[in-house]
Amino acid sequence: MEKPNYGIDNPRLGLIIVLAVVAGLTFGLGFRRSSSAAASTAASVVLSLVPTGVILILLMVSYVKVEKFRHRDRMLNMLKIAPWRGDEQVLDVGTGRGLMMIGAAKRLTTGRSVGIDLWRERDLSGNTVEAARRNAQIEGVADKVEMRNADARKMPFPDRSFDCVLSNLCLHNIPSPQGRAAACREIARVLKPGGVALISDFMHTDEYAKAFRDEGLAATSSVAFLLAPMLLKVVKASKP
């Protein structure tokens, strides 16, 4: 039975860490007993850093295989829709291969879960709209999802379109503070009155909270305690 594949987050960084660990071991073991005092000292320093690299690799594997699914479910539970009606309109900003979008779709009956992205390979391995569609088919929610190639800073949706907006590890990819603020304004714009946005990221979360407050939303942030190579925070913004 085919299983969904949600890819490896930031695969370039993972490859760099793996290569650094291999290079460090090669250099350290090769020069540790060198007759040169400088080379021997350098080898010892490099070898002392290798365990840190190994720990980062293990944390990345843990996040990819287990923790990001727990994090997805925690975020969906944070919406405090108990129980979900099933007719909600949900938006996932930066959907990638569909993890958040599909997780929300599983809780819907007549509702719709929409994912937008620019689908850049550097953000996620195998990051294509076709991969997201395939995952939706495997997970049995293809009829409840919709995907659009769209920029978070200018979304192709009318005002007050969604009950919930979700985003995980996406907005930090926007290079400027002005662009990230524009994305938050767009999220606030498409959110229905009484709706909730949850934005998870490892940086710029204070910016997101401020941008939402500037738009009149109540915003709080909390730490996501999970095994990952970075500390994630979740900004929760509620629209009155």
Protein backbone atom coordinates (compact mmCIF):
# COMPACT_ATOMS: atom_id res chain seq x y z
CA MET A 1 0.00 0.00 0.00
CA GLU A 2 1.42 3.34 -1.07
CA LYS A 3 2.15 5.77 1.74
CA PRO A 4 2.13 9.58 1.51
CA ASN A 5 5.50 11.31 1.27
CA TYR A 6 5.76 14.77 2.80
CA GLY A 7 9.41 15.29 1.96
CA ILE A 8 12.46 16.58 3.81
CA ASP A 9 12.31 20.17 5.02
CA ASN A 10 15.20 22.36 3.86
CA PRO A 11 17.04 19.47 2.15
CA ARG A 12 20.01 21.67 1.25
CA LEU A 13 20.74 22.39 4.90
CA GLY A 14 20.47 18.71 5.76
CA LEU A 15 22.92 17.80 3.00
CA ILE A 16 25.37 20.47 4.18
CA ILE A 17 25.27 19.12 7.75
CA VAL A 18 25.80 15.52 6.60
CA LEU A 19 28.73 16.53 4.38
CA ALA A 20 30.22 18.61 7.20
CA VAL A 21 30.04 15.66 9.59
CA VAL A 22 31.65 13.31 7.04
CA ALA A 23 34.36 15.86 6.23
CA GLY A 24 34.96 16.51 9.92
CA LEU A 25 35.38 12.82 10.68
CA THR A 26 37.67 12.33 7.70
CA PHE A 27 39.88 15.29 8.61
CA GLY A 28 39.81 14.63 12.35
CA LEU A 29 40.70 10.96 12.17
CA GLY A 30 43.24 11.55 9.45
CA PHE A 31 45.20 14.28 11.22
CA ARG A 32 44.62 13.47 14.91
CA ARG A 33 47.98 11.74 15.21
CA SER A 34 49.84 14.04 12.86
CA SER A 35 53.41 15.00 13.72
CA SER A 36 52.35 18.60 13.29
CA ALA A 37 51.09 20.03 16.56
CA ALA A 38 48.87 22.54 14.71
CA ALA A 39 47.24 19.84 12.57
CA SER A 40 46.71 17.60 15.60
CA THR A 41 45.11 20.42 17.57
CA ALA A 42 42.87 21.37 14.63
CA ALA A 43 41.81 17.74 14.23
CA SER A 44 40.87 17.52 17.91
CA VAL A 45 38.77 20.70 17.64
CA VAL A 46 36.99 19.41 14.54
CA LEU A 47 36.28 16.03 16.14
CA SER A 48 34.82 17.77 19.20
CA LEU A 49 32.25 19.44 16.91
CA VAL A 50 31.20 16.23 15.14
CA PRO A 51 28.76 15.10 17.91
CA THR A 52 26.87 18.39 17.51
CA GLY A 53 26.45 17.69 13.81
CA VAL A 54 25.28 14.14 14.51
CA ILE A 55 22.72 15.45 17.02
CA LEU A 56 21.42 17.93 14.42
CA ILE A 57 21.06 15.12 11.88
CA LEU A 58 19.14 12.98 14.38
CA LEU A 59 16.87 15.91 15.23
CA MET A 60 16.18 16.53 11.54
CA VAL A 61 15.31 12.86 11.01
CA SER A 62 13.08 12.92 14.08
CA TYR A 63 11.24 16.01 12.79
CA VAL A 64 10.78 14.63 9.27
CA LYS A 65 9.61 11.18 10.39
CA VAL A 66 7.58 11.92 13.52
CA GLU A 67 7.57 15.39 15.01
CA LYS A 68 6.13 17.40 12.15
CA PHE A 69 3.05 15.17 12.16
CA ARG A 70 2.65 15.73 15.91
CA HIS A 71 3.16 19.44 15.33
CA ARG A 72 0.49 19.48 12.60
CA ASP A 73 -2.03 17.77 14.88
CA ARG A 74 -1.18 20.12 17.75
CA MET A 75 -1.78 23.14 15.52
CA LEU A 76 -5.10 21.77 14.28
CA ASN A 77 -6.15 21.13 17.87
CA MET A 78 -5.15 24.68 18.81
CA LEU A 79 -7.95 25.98 16.62
CA LYS A 80 -10.31 24.91 19.40
CA ILE A 81 -13.01 23.82 17.02
CA ALA A 82 -14.53 21.14 19.22
CA PRO A 83 -15.85 19.33 17.42
CA TRP A 84 -15.14 20.57 13.92
CA ARG A 85 -18.41 21.23 12.14
CA GLY A 86 -16.97 19.82 8.95
CA ASP A 87 -18.00 22.71 6.71
CA GLU A 88 -15.03 24.97 7.50
CA GLN A 89 -13.07 26.73 4.79
CA VAL A 90 -9.35 26.30 5.56
CA LEU A 91 -6.31 27.91 3.94
CA ASP A 92 -2.77 26.53 4.21
CA VAL A 93 -0.13 29.12 3.28
CA GLY A 94 3.00 27.44 1.96
CA THR A 95 1.44 24.03 1.67
CA GLY A 96 4.40 22.26 0.05
CA ARG A 97 3.47 18.60 -0.28
CA GLY A 98 0.23 19.22 1.59
CA LEU A 99 0.88 18.19 5.18
CA MET A 100 -1.23 20.88 6.89
CA MET A 101 -3.79 21.13 4.09
CA ILE A 102 -4.45 17.39 4.09
CA GLY A 103 -4.50 17.19 7.89
CA ALA A 104 -7.24 19.82 7.93
CA ALA A 105 -9.12 18.14 5.06
CA LYS A 106 -9.38 14.93 7.09
CA ARG A 107 -11.52 16.83 9.59
CA LEU A 108 -13.91 18.15 6.95
CA THR A 109 -17.10 16.80 5.36
CA THR A 110 -18.56 19.51 3.13
CA GLY A 111 -15.78 22.02 3.79
CA ARG A 112 -12.75 22.84 1.68
CA SER A 113 -9.03 22.89 2.44
CA VAL A 114 -7.03 25.12 0.10
CA GLY A 115 -3.24 25.15 -0.20
CA ILE A 116 -1.18 27.87 -1.82
CA ASP A 117 2.55 27.81 -2.56
CA LEU A 118 5.22 28.78 -5.07
CA TRP A 119 6.59 25.20 -4.85
CA ARG A 120 10.32 25.90 -4.73
CA GLU A 121 12.60 22.84 -4.49
CA ARG A 122 14.96 24.48 -1.98
CA ASP A 123 12.21 24.67 0.65
CA LEU A 124 11.26 20.97 0.61
CA SER A 125 12.46 17.90 -1.23
CA GLY A 126 10.23 16.93 -4.16
CA ASN A 127 8.28 20.12 -3.64
CA THR A 128 5.72 20.11 -6.46
CA VAL A 129 1.99 20.60 -6.76
CA GLU A 130 1.80 17.14 -8.31
CA ALA A 131 3.33 15.63 -5.15
CA ALA A 132 0.75 17.43 -3.03
CA ARG A 133 -2.08 16.14 -5.23
CA ARG A 134 -0.71 12.61 -5.02
CA ASN A 135 -0.56 12.78 -1.23
CA ALA A 136 -4.15 14.00 -1.14
CA GLN A 137 -5.22 11.03 -3.28
CA ILE A 138 -3.36 8.55 -1.08
CA GLU A 139 -4.87 10.10 2.07
CA GLY A 140 -8.37 9.90 0.55
CA VAL A 141 -9.15 13.64 0.60
CA ALA A 142 -8.60 14.62 -3.05
CA ASP A 143 -12.23 15.80 -3.29
CA LYS A 144 -11.81 18.14 -0.30
CA VAL A 145 -8.66 19.99 -1.31
CA GLU A 146 -7.67 22.64 -3.81
CA MET A 147 -4.17 23.88 -4.70
CA ARG A 148 -3.15 27.18 -6.24
CA ASN A 149 0.18 28.63 -7.26
CA ALA A 150 0.02 31.93 -5.40
CA ASP A 151 2.19 34.37 -3.47
CA ALA A 152 1.30 34.84 0.21
CA ARG A 153 1.79 38.59 -0.22
CA LYS A 154 -1.01 38.82 -2.77
CA MET A 155 -3.58 36.07 -2.42
CA PRO A 156 -6.24 35.45 -5.09
CA PHE A 157 -9.13 35.24 -2.63
CA PRO A 158 -11.93 37.65 -1.64
CA ASP A 159 -12.02 39.24 1.80
CA ARG A 160 -13.33 37.06 4.65
CA SER A 161 -13.04 33.76 2.74
CA PHE A 162 -11.65 31.37 5.38
CA ASP A 163 -12.56 30.19 8.85
CA CYS A 164 -8.97 29.09 9.54
CA VAL A 165 -5.58 29.97 8.08
CA LEU A 166 -2.58 27.75 8.75
CA SER A 167 1.09 28.14 7.88
CA ASN A 168 4.15 26.15 8.95
CA LEU A 169 7.75 27.15 8.19
CA CYS A 170 6.78 29.35 5.27
CA LEU A 171 6.76 33.09 5.95
CA HIS A 172 10.45 33.28 6.93
CA ASN A 173 11.23 32.53 3.26
CA ILE A 174 9.96 35.99 2.35
CA PRO A 175 13.17 38.04 2.36
CA SER A 176 12.02 41.44 3.66
CA PRO A 177 10.14 42.56 6.79
CA GLN A 178 7.79 44.53 4.54
CA GLY A 179 6.99 41.41 2.54
CA ARG A 180 6.36 39.33 5.65
CA ALA A 181 4.08 42.05 7.02
CA ALA A 182 2.23 42.10 3.69
CA ALA A 183 1.66 38.34 3.97
CA CYS A 184 0.26 38.77 7.48
CA ARG A 185 -2.06 41.53 6.24
CA GLU A 186 -3.28 39.21 3.50
CA ILE A 187 -3.91 36.45 6.02
CA ALA A 188 -5.89 38.90 8.15
CA ARG A 189 -7.81 40.09 5.10
CA VAL A 190 -8.97 36.65 3.93
CA LEU A 191 -9.85 35.50 7.46
CA LYS A 192 -13.53 35.57 8.39
CA PRO A 193 -14.68 37.47 11.50
CA GLY A 194 -14.31 35.04 14.39
CA GLY A 195 -11.68 33.10 12.45
CA VAL A 196 -8.27 32.02 13.66
CA ALA A 197 -4.84 32.03 12.01
CA LEU A 198 -1.96 29.87 13.25
CA ILE A 199 1.50 30.70 11.97
CA SER A 200 4.38 28.40 12.98
CA ASP A 201 7.99 29.40 12.36
CA PHE A 202 11.46 29.42 13.91
CA MET A 203 12.12 33.13 13.31
CA HIS A 204 10.30 36.46 12.85
CA THR A 205 7.34 35.35 14.97
CA ASP A 206 7.38 38.64 16.90
CA GLU A 207 7.03 40.41 13.55
CA TYR A 208 4.02 38.29 12.64
CA ALA A 209 2.30 38.96 15.97
CA LYS A 210 2.84 42.71 15.63
CA ALA A 211 1.57 42.73 12.04
CA PHE A 212 -1.61 40.93 13.10
CA ARG A 213 -2.16 43.32 16.01
CA ASP A 214 -1.73 46.25 13.64
CA GLU A 215 -4.63 44.77 11.64
CA GLY A 216 -6.83 44.61 14.75
CA LEU A 217 -6.41 40.91 15.51
CA ALA A 218 -5.66 39.54 18.96
CA ALA A 219 -2.31 37.74 18.71
CA THR A 220 -0.42 35.52 21.14
CA SER A 221 2.57 33.22 20.71
CA SER A 222 3.60 29.95 22.30
CA VAL A 223 6.58 27.62 22.07
CA ALA A 224 6.11 24.31 20.26
CA PHE A 225 7.94 21.72 22.32
CA LEU A 226 9.08 19.07 19.87
CA LEU A 227 12.26 17.31 18.78
CA ALA A 228 13.51 19.45 15.91
CA PRO A 229 16.77 21.13 14.87
CA MET A 230 15.19 24.53 15.61
CA LEU A 231 12.85 25.99 18.23
CA LEU A 232 9.43 26.60 16.71
CA LYS A 233 6.89 29.13 17.93
CA VAL A 234 3.24 29.35 16.98
CA VAL A 235 1.52 32.71 16.59
CA LYS A 236 -2.23 32.50 17.11
CA ALA A 237 -4.22 35.42 15.72
CA SER A 238 -7.98 35.72 16.26
CA LYS A 239 -10.12 38.07 14.21
CA PRO A 240 -12.94 39.79 16.10
